[in-house]
Amino acid sequence: MRDHKPSNSAKNLRKSDPRRAETINKILSEEYPGARCELDFRNPLELLVATVLSAQCTDARVNQVTPALFAKYPNAAAYAQADPAQLEEILRPLGFQRAKTKHLLGIGEGLVAHFGGDVPRGIKELTSLPGVGRKTALVVRGNAFGLPGLTVDTHFQRLVTRLGLTEKTTPVAIEKDIAGQLPEQEWTMFSHRLIFHGRAVCRARSPRCSDCVLAHLCPAAAEYGKSAPAQ
C-alpha cells in the first residue's frame, strides 16, 4: 500500500462539481450492490413504525421487536386503540419505551382521523404525525413509495462533509446541496450506499482510509494519515 496522494484528476474536480458526486455514487454502487433499508417491513405502515422506533436504537434491535409488534397491531386503528401498558412492554427492549409508545398511539390516531387509516405520501402530511421528522418522512417515501429522497442521518452528514461534497452544516441545507449534484432517481440509493459505507469503513472516530474505495477522491484521507488502496 502507498501513502495517499490525491491524483491530478481528483485535484481538478471542484467540490461542487456534480461529476464528483456521480463518480462517488457509481463506485459505491459497485462496492455495495446490496445496499438497502435495513429495517424489515412489508408495507408503508410497518416502515413508518419501524423508522420511528429506530430513533436512538439500532435497526437490528428494532427488527427483533417488530415481528411481534406488527402481528399484534396490523393497522392504524390497532395502534390508535392499543393499551399503552401493553404497547410499552413490547417496546421496552428498545429503550425510551414511554415516548415511543406515545408516538405510536398518536400515529395511529392521526392516521385514522386524517388519512383514512393509510400512510400519506407527502412530507407535510407525514411530518404532521407524532415522532415523524423530515428524515423519517424521506425514509418512508423513498423505500415504501419509491419517491426519491436523501436521508441525511449522522453517517450521511459525516461522509458528504469528509468527501468535500458540501460545506453546509444543517440536514435540510445538506439535503438540498447534494440533491443538486445527483440525478433525482439516485437519491434514495445514494443515501443507502453512504450509510453502508459509513458503518463499514468511514467510521466517526477511526475511518479506515486504507481500505476505502473512495480514498483517491477524498480530501480527508490525507488528513487522517491513512493509505489508499492501490489503483
Protein backbone atom coordinates (compact mmCIF):
# COMPACT_ATOMS: atom_id res chain seq x y z
CA MET A 1 0.00 0.00 0.00
CA ARG A 2 1.11 3.57 -0.66
CA ASP A 3 0.64 6.86 1.16
CA HIS A 4 -2.44 8.65 -0.08
CA LYS A 5 -1.85 11.46 -2.53
CA PRO A 6 -4.88 12.66 -4.49
CA SER A 7 -4.47 12.20 -8.22
CA ASN A 8 -4.37 15.20 -10.53
CA SER A 9 -7.84 14.29 -11.78
CA ALA A 10 -9.15 14.34 -8.22
CA LYS A 11 -7.50 17.72 -7.57
CA ASN A 12 -9.11 19.18 -10.65
CA LEU A 13 -12.62 18.17 -9.60
CA ARG A 14 -14.19 21.07 -7.75
CA LYS A 15 -16.11 20.22 -4.60
CA SER A 16 -19.31 21.47 -6.19
CA ASP A 17 -18.80 19.59 -9.47
CA PRO A 18 -21.73 17.17 -9.98
CA ARG A 19 -19.39 14.76 -11.77
CA ARG A 20 -17.63 14.06 -8.50
CA ALA A 21 -20.79 13.10 -6.64
CA GLU A 22 -21.84 10.92 -9.56
CA THR A 23 -18.43 9.23 -9.64
CA ILE A 24 -18.63 8.53 -5.91
CA ASN A 25 -22.16 7.17 -6.29
CA LYS A 26 -21.05 4.84 -9.09
CA ILE A 27 -18.12 3.49 -7.07
CA LEU A 28 -20.35 2.89 -4.06
CA SER A 29 -22.97 1.16 -6.19
CA GLU A 30 -20.31 -1.36 -7.20
CA GLU A 31 -18.95 -1.70 -3.66
CA TYR A 32 -22.38 -2.16 -2.03
CA PRO A 33 -24.70 -3.77 -4.59
CA GLY A 34 -26.95 -4.98 -1.77
CA ALA A 35 -27.36 -1.61 -0.07
CA ARG A 36 -30.93 -1.15 1.15
CA CYS A 37 -33.08 -0.05 4.04
CA GLU A 38 -32.11 -2.42 6.85
CA LEU A 39 -35.42 -2.16 8.65
CA ASP A 40 -37.74 -5.11 7.97
CA PHE A 41 -41.19 -4.13 6.69
CA ARG A 42 -43.95 -5.32 4.37
CA ASN A 43 -45.97 -2.15 3.89
CA PRO A 44 -45.77 1.63 4.44
CA LEU A 45 -47.25 1.49 7.95
CA GLU A 46 -44.70 -1.06 9.11
CA LEU A 47 -41.85 1.02 7.72
CA LEU A 48 -43.22 4.19 9.32
CA VAL A 49 -43.48 2.50 12.69
CA ALA A 50 -40.06 0.82 12.43
CA THR A 51 -38.37 4.07 11.44
CA VAL A 52 -39.90 5.94 14.37
CA LEU A 53 -38.75 3.15 16.69
CA SER A 54 -35.20 3.26 15.30
CA ALA A 55 -34.53 6.64 16.94
CA GLN A 56 -31.65 6.16 19.41
CA CYS A 57 -31.67 2.44 18.65
CA THR A 58 -30.09 0.12 16.09
CA ASP A 59 -32.01 -1.24 13.13
CA ALA A 60 -31.07 -4.76 14.20
CA ARG A 61 -32.68 -4.31 17.62
CA VAL A 62 -35.82 -2.84 16.05
CA ASN A 63 -36.06 -5.85 13.73
CA GLN A 64 -36.05 -8.14 16.76
CA VAL A 65 -39.08 -6.40 18.25
CA THR A 66 -41.23 -5.61 15.22
CA PRO A 67 -42.42 -9.13 14.26
CA ALA A 68 -44.44 -9.41 17.48
CA LEU A 69 -45.45 -5.74 17.28
CA PHE A 70 -46.70 -5.97 13.71
CA ALA A 71 -48.60 -9.18 14.45
CA LYS A 72 -50.45 -7.58 17.36
CA TYR A 73 -51.04 -4.21 15.67
CA PRO A 74 -51.62 -4.81 11.93
CA ASN A 75 -53.18 -1.46 11.07
CA ALA A 76 -53.51 2.15 12.16
CA ALA A 77 -56.73 1.53 14.08
CA ALA A 78 -55.00 -1.13 16.18
CA TYR A 79 -52.34 1.37 17.27
CA ALA A 80 -54.97 4.02 17.95
CA GLN A 81 -56.86 1.63 20.22
CA ALA A 82 -53.82 -0.02 21.82
CA ASP A 83 -53.45 -0.38 25.56
CA PRO A 84 -50.48 1.84 26.42
CA ALA A 85 -49.14 -0.53 29.07
CA GLN A 86 -49.13 -3.50 26.68
CA LEU A 87 -47.53 -1.49 23.90
CA GLU A 88 -44.91 -0.13 26.26
CA GLU A 89 -43.98 -3.63 27.38
CA ILE A 90 -43.38 -4.75 23.80
CA LEU A 91 -41.20 -1.71 23.13
CA ARG A 92 -39.22 -1.95 26.38
CA PRO A 93 -36.16 -3.66 24.77
CA LEU A 94 -35.71 -0.62 22.52
CA GLY A 95 -35.41 1.91 25.31
CA PHE A 96 -37.38 5.16 25.57
CA GLN A 97 -40.46 2.96 25.51
CA ARG A 98 -42.78 5.56 27.05
CA ALA A 99 -42.03 8.19 24.44
CA LYS A 100 -42.17 5.65 21.63
CA THR A 101 -45.49 4.32 22.91
CA LYS A 102 -46.93 7.83 22.82
CA HIS A 103 -45.66 8.28 19.29
CA LEU A 104 -47.24 5.05 18.03
CA LEU A 105 -50.55 5.80 19.73
CA GLY A 106 -50.51 9.28 18.22
CA ILE A 107 -49.56 7.97 14.78
CA GLY A 108 -52.45 5.52 14.86
CA GLU A 109 -54.88 8.21 15.96
CA GLY A 110 -53.58 10.68 13.38
CA LEU A 111 -53.75 8.21 10.51
CA VAL A 112 -57.31 7.20 11.40
CA ALA A 113 -58.53 10.75 11.98
CA HIS A 114 -56.91 12.48 9.00
CA PHE A 115 -55.82 9.94 6.39
CA GLY A 116 -58.41 7.17 6.41
CA GLY A 117 -56.01 4.85 8.19
CA ASP A 118 -53.49 4.98 5.34
CA VAL A 119 -49.93 6.31 5.44
CA PRO A 120 -49.76 9.53 3.38
CA ARG A 121 -47.02 10.18 0.84
CA GLY A 122 -46.47 13.89 1.31
CA ILE A 123 -43.71 15.22 3.55
CA LYS A 124 -46.03 17.80 5.11
CA GLU A 125 -48.63 15.15 5.88
CA LEU A 126 -46.11 12.65 7.22
CA THR A 127 -44.40 15.18 9.47
CA SER A 128 -47.75 16.12 10.97
CA LEU A 129 -47.69 12.77 12.77
CA PRO A 130 -46.11 12.42 16.24
CA GLY A 131 -42.45 11.41 16.21
CA VAL A 132 -42.13 11.82 12.45
CA GLY A 133 -39.48 14.30 11.30
CA ARG A 134 -38.28 15.04 7.81
CA LYS A 135 -35.68 12.25 7.87
CA THR A 136 -38.30 9.65 8.79
CA ALA A 137 -40.67 11.01 6.16
CA LEU A 138 -37.99 10.68 3.48
CA VAL A 139 -37.19 7.12 4.53
CA VAL A 140 -40.86 6.17 4.17
CA ARG A 141 -41.28 7.99 0.86
CA GLY A 142 -38.13 6.52 -0.64
CA ASN A 143 -38.47 2.93 0.50
CA ALA A 144 -42.22 2.34 0.78
CA PHE A 145 -43.43 4.52 -2.09
CA GLY A 146 -40.42 4.73 -4.40
CA LEU A 147 -40.32 8.53 -4.22
CA PRO A 148 -36.68 9.76 -4.34
CA GLY A 149 -35.24 11.37 -1.24
CA LEU A 150 -31.92 11.94 0.51
CA THR A 151 -31.88 10.73 4.09
CA VAL A 152 -29.42 12.90 5.99
CA ASP A 153 -28.54 10.87 9.08
CA THR A 154 -25.30 11.09 11.05
CA HIS A 155 -23.44 8.73 8.67
CA PHE A 156 -24.61 10.64 5.60
CA GLN A 157 -23.70 14.02 7.06
CA ARG A 158 -20.26 12.84 8.16
CA LEU A 159 -19.40 11.31 4.79
CA VAL A 160 -20.55 14.10 2.48
CA THR A 161 -18.57 16.52 4.66
CA ARG A 162 -15.42 14.39 4.64
CA LEU A 163 -15.73 13.82 0.92
CA GLY A 164 -15.94 17.55 0.36
CA LEU A 165 -19.32 17.33 -1.36
CA THR A 166 -20.81 20.06 0.82
CA GLU A 167 -19.87 22.70 3.34
CA LYS A 168 -23.42 23.02 4.65
CA THR A 169 -24.00 22.14 8.29
CA THR A 170 -27.74 21.58 8.72
CA PRO A 171 -29.60 18.50 7.45
CA VAL A 172 -32.01 20.42 5.21
CA ALA A 173 -29.21 22.52 3.68
CA ILE A 174 -27.09 19.40 3.12
CA GLU A 175 -30.03 17.61 1.53
CA LYS A 176 -30.62 20.50 -0.88
CA ASP A 177 -26.94 20.79 -1.75
CA ILE A 178 -26.43 17.10 -2.50
CA ALA A 179 -29.74 16.87 -4.38
CA GLY A 180 -28.33 19.32 -6.90
CA GLN A 181 -25.33 17.10 -7.56
CA LEU A 182 -27.09 13.82 -8.39
CA PRO A 183 -29.93 12.66 -10.63
CA GLU A 184 -33.17 12.51 -8.66
CA GLN A 185 -33.60 8.80 -9.29
CA GLU A 186 -30.32 8.13 -7.46
CA TRP A 187 -31.14 9.99 -4.25
CA THR A 188 -32.59 7.12 -2.21
CA MET A 189 -29.92 4.60 -3.14
CA PHE A 190 -27.10 7.10 -2.67
CA SER A 191 -28.33 7.54 0.91
CA HIS A 192 -28.26 3.78 1.49
CA ARG A 193 -24.81 3.40 -0.06
CA LEU A 194 -23.31 6.18 2.03
CA ILE A 195 -24.87 4.77 5.20
CA PHE A 196 -23.44 1.31 4.43
CA HIS A 197 -20.02 2.84 3.75
CA GLY A 198 -20.17 4.91 6.92
CA ARG A 199 -20.87 1.86 9.04
CA ALA A 200 -18.35 -0.40 7.34
CA VAL A 201 -15.41 1.88 6.55
CA CYS A 202 -15.77 5.62 7.10
CA ARG A 203 -16.38 5.46 10.82
CA ALA A 204 -16.64 8.52 13.01
CA ARG A 205 -13.58 8.05 15.22
CA SER A 206 -11.34 5.76 13.20
CA PRO A 207 -12.05 5.86 9.46
CA ARG A 208 -10.36 3.01 7.60
CA CYS A 209 -8.95 5.12 4.78
CA SER A 210 -6.51 2.37 3.76
CA ASP A 211 -9.49 0.15 2.89
CA CYS A 212 -11.60 2.88 1.32
CA VAL A 213 -12.54 2.71 -2.36
CA LEU A 214 -13.09 6.48 -2.25
CA ALA A 215 -9.73 7.46 -0.74
CA HIS A 216 -8.37 8.77 -4.05
CA LEU A 217 -11.35 11.14 -4.26
CA CYS A 218 -11.48 12.13 -0.61
CA PRO A 219 -9.78 15.30 0.67
CA ALA A 220 -9.98 13.96 4.23
CA ALA A 221 -7.95 10.81 3.53
CA ALA A 222 -4.60 12.61 3.71
CA GLU A 223 -5.69 14.38 6.88
CA TYR A 224 -6.21 11.05 8.63
CA GLY A 225 -2.77 9.89 7.52
CA LYS A 226 -4.03 6.65 6.05
CA SER A 227 -3.12 4.78 2.92
CA ALA A 228 -5.28 4.40 -0.12
CA PRO A 229 -5.80 1.06 -1.83
CA ALA A 230 -3.62 0.50 -4.84
CA GLN A 231 -5.27 1.68 -8.04
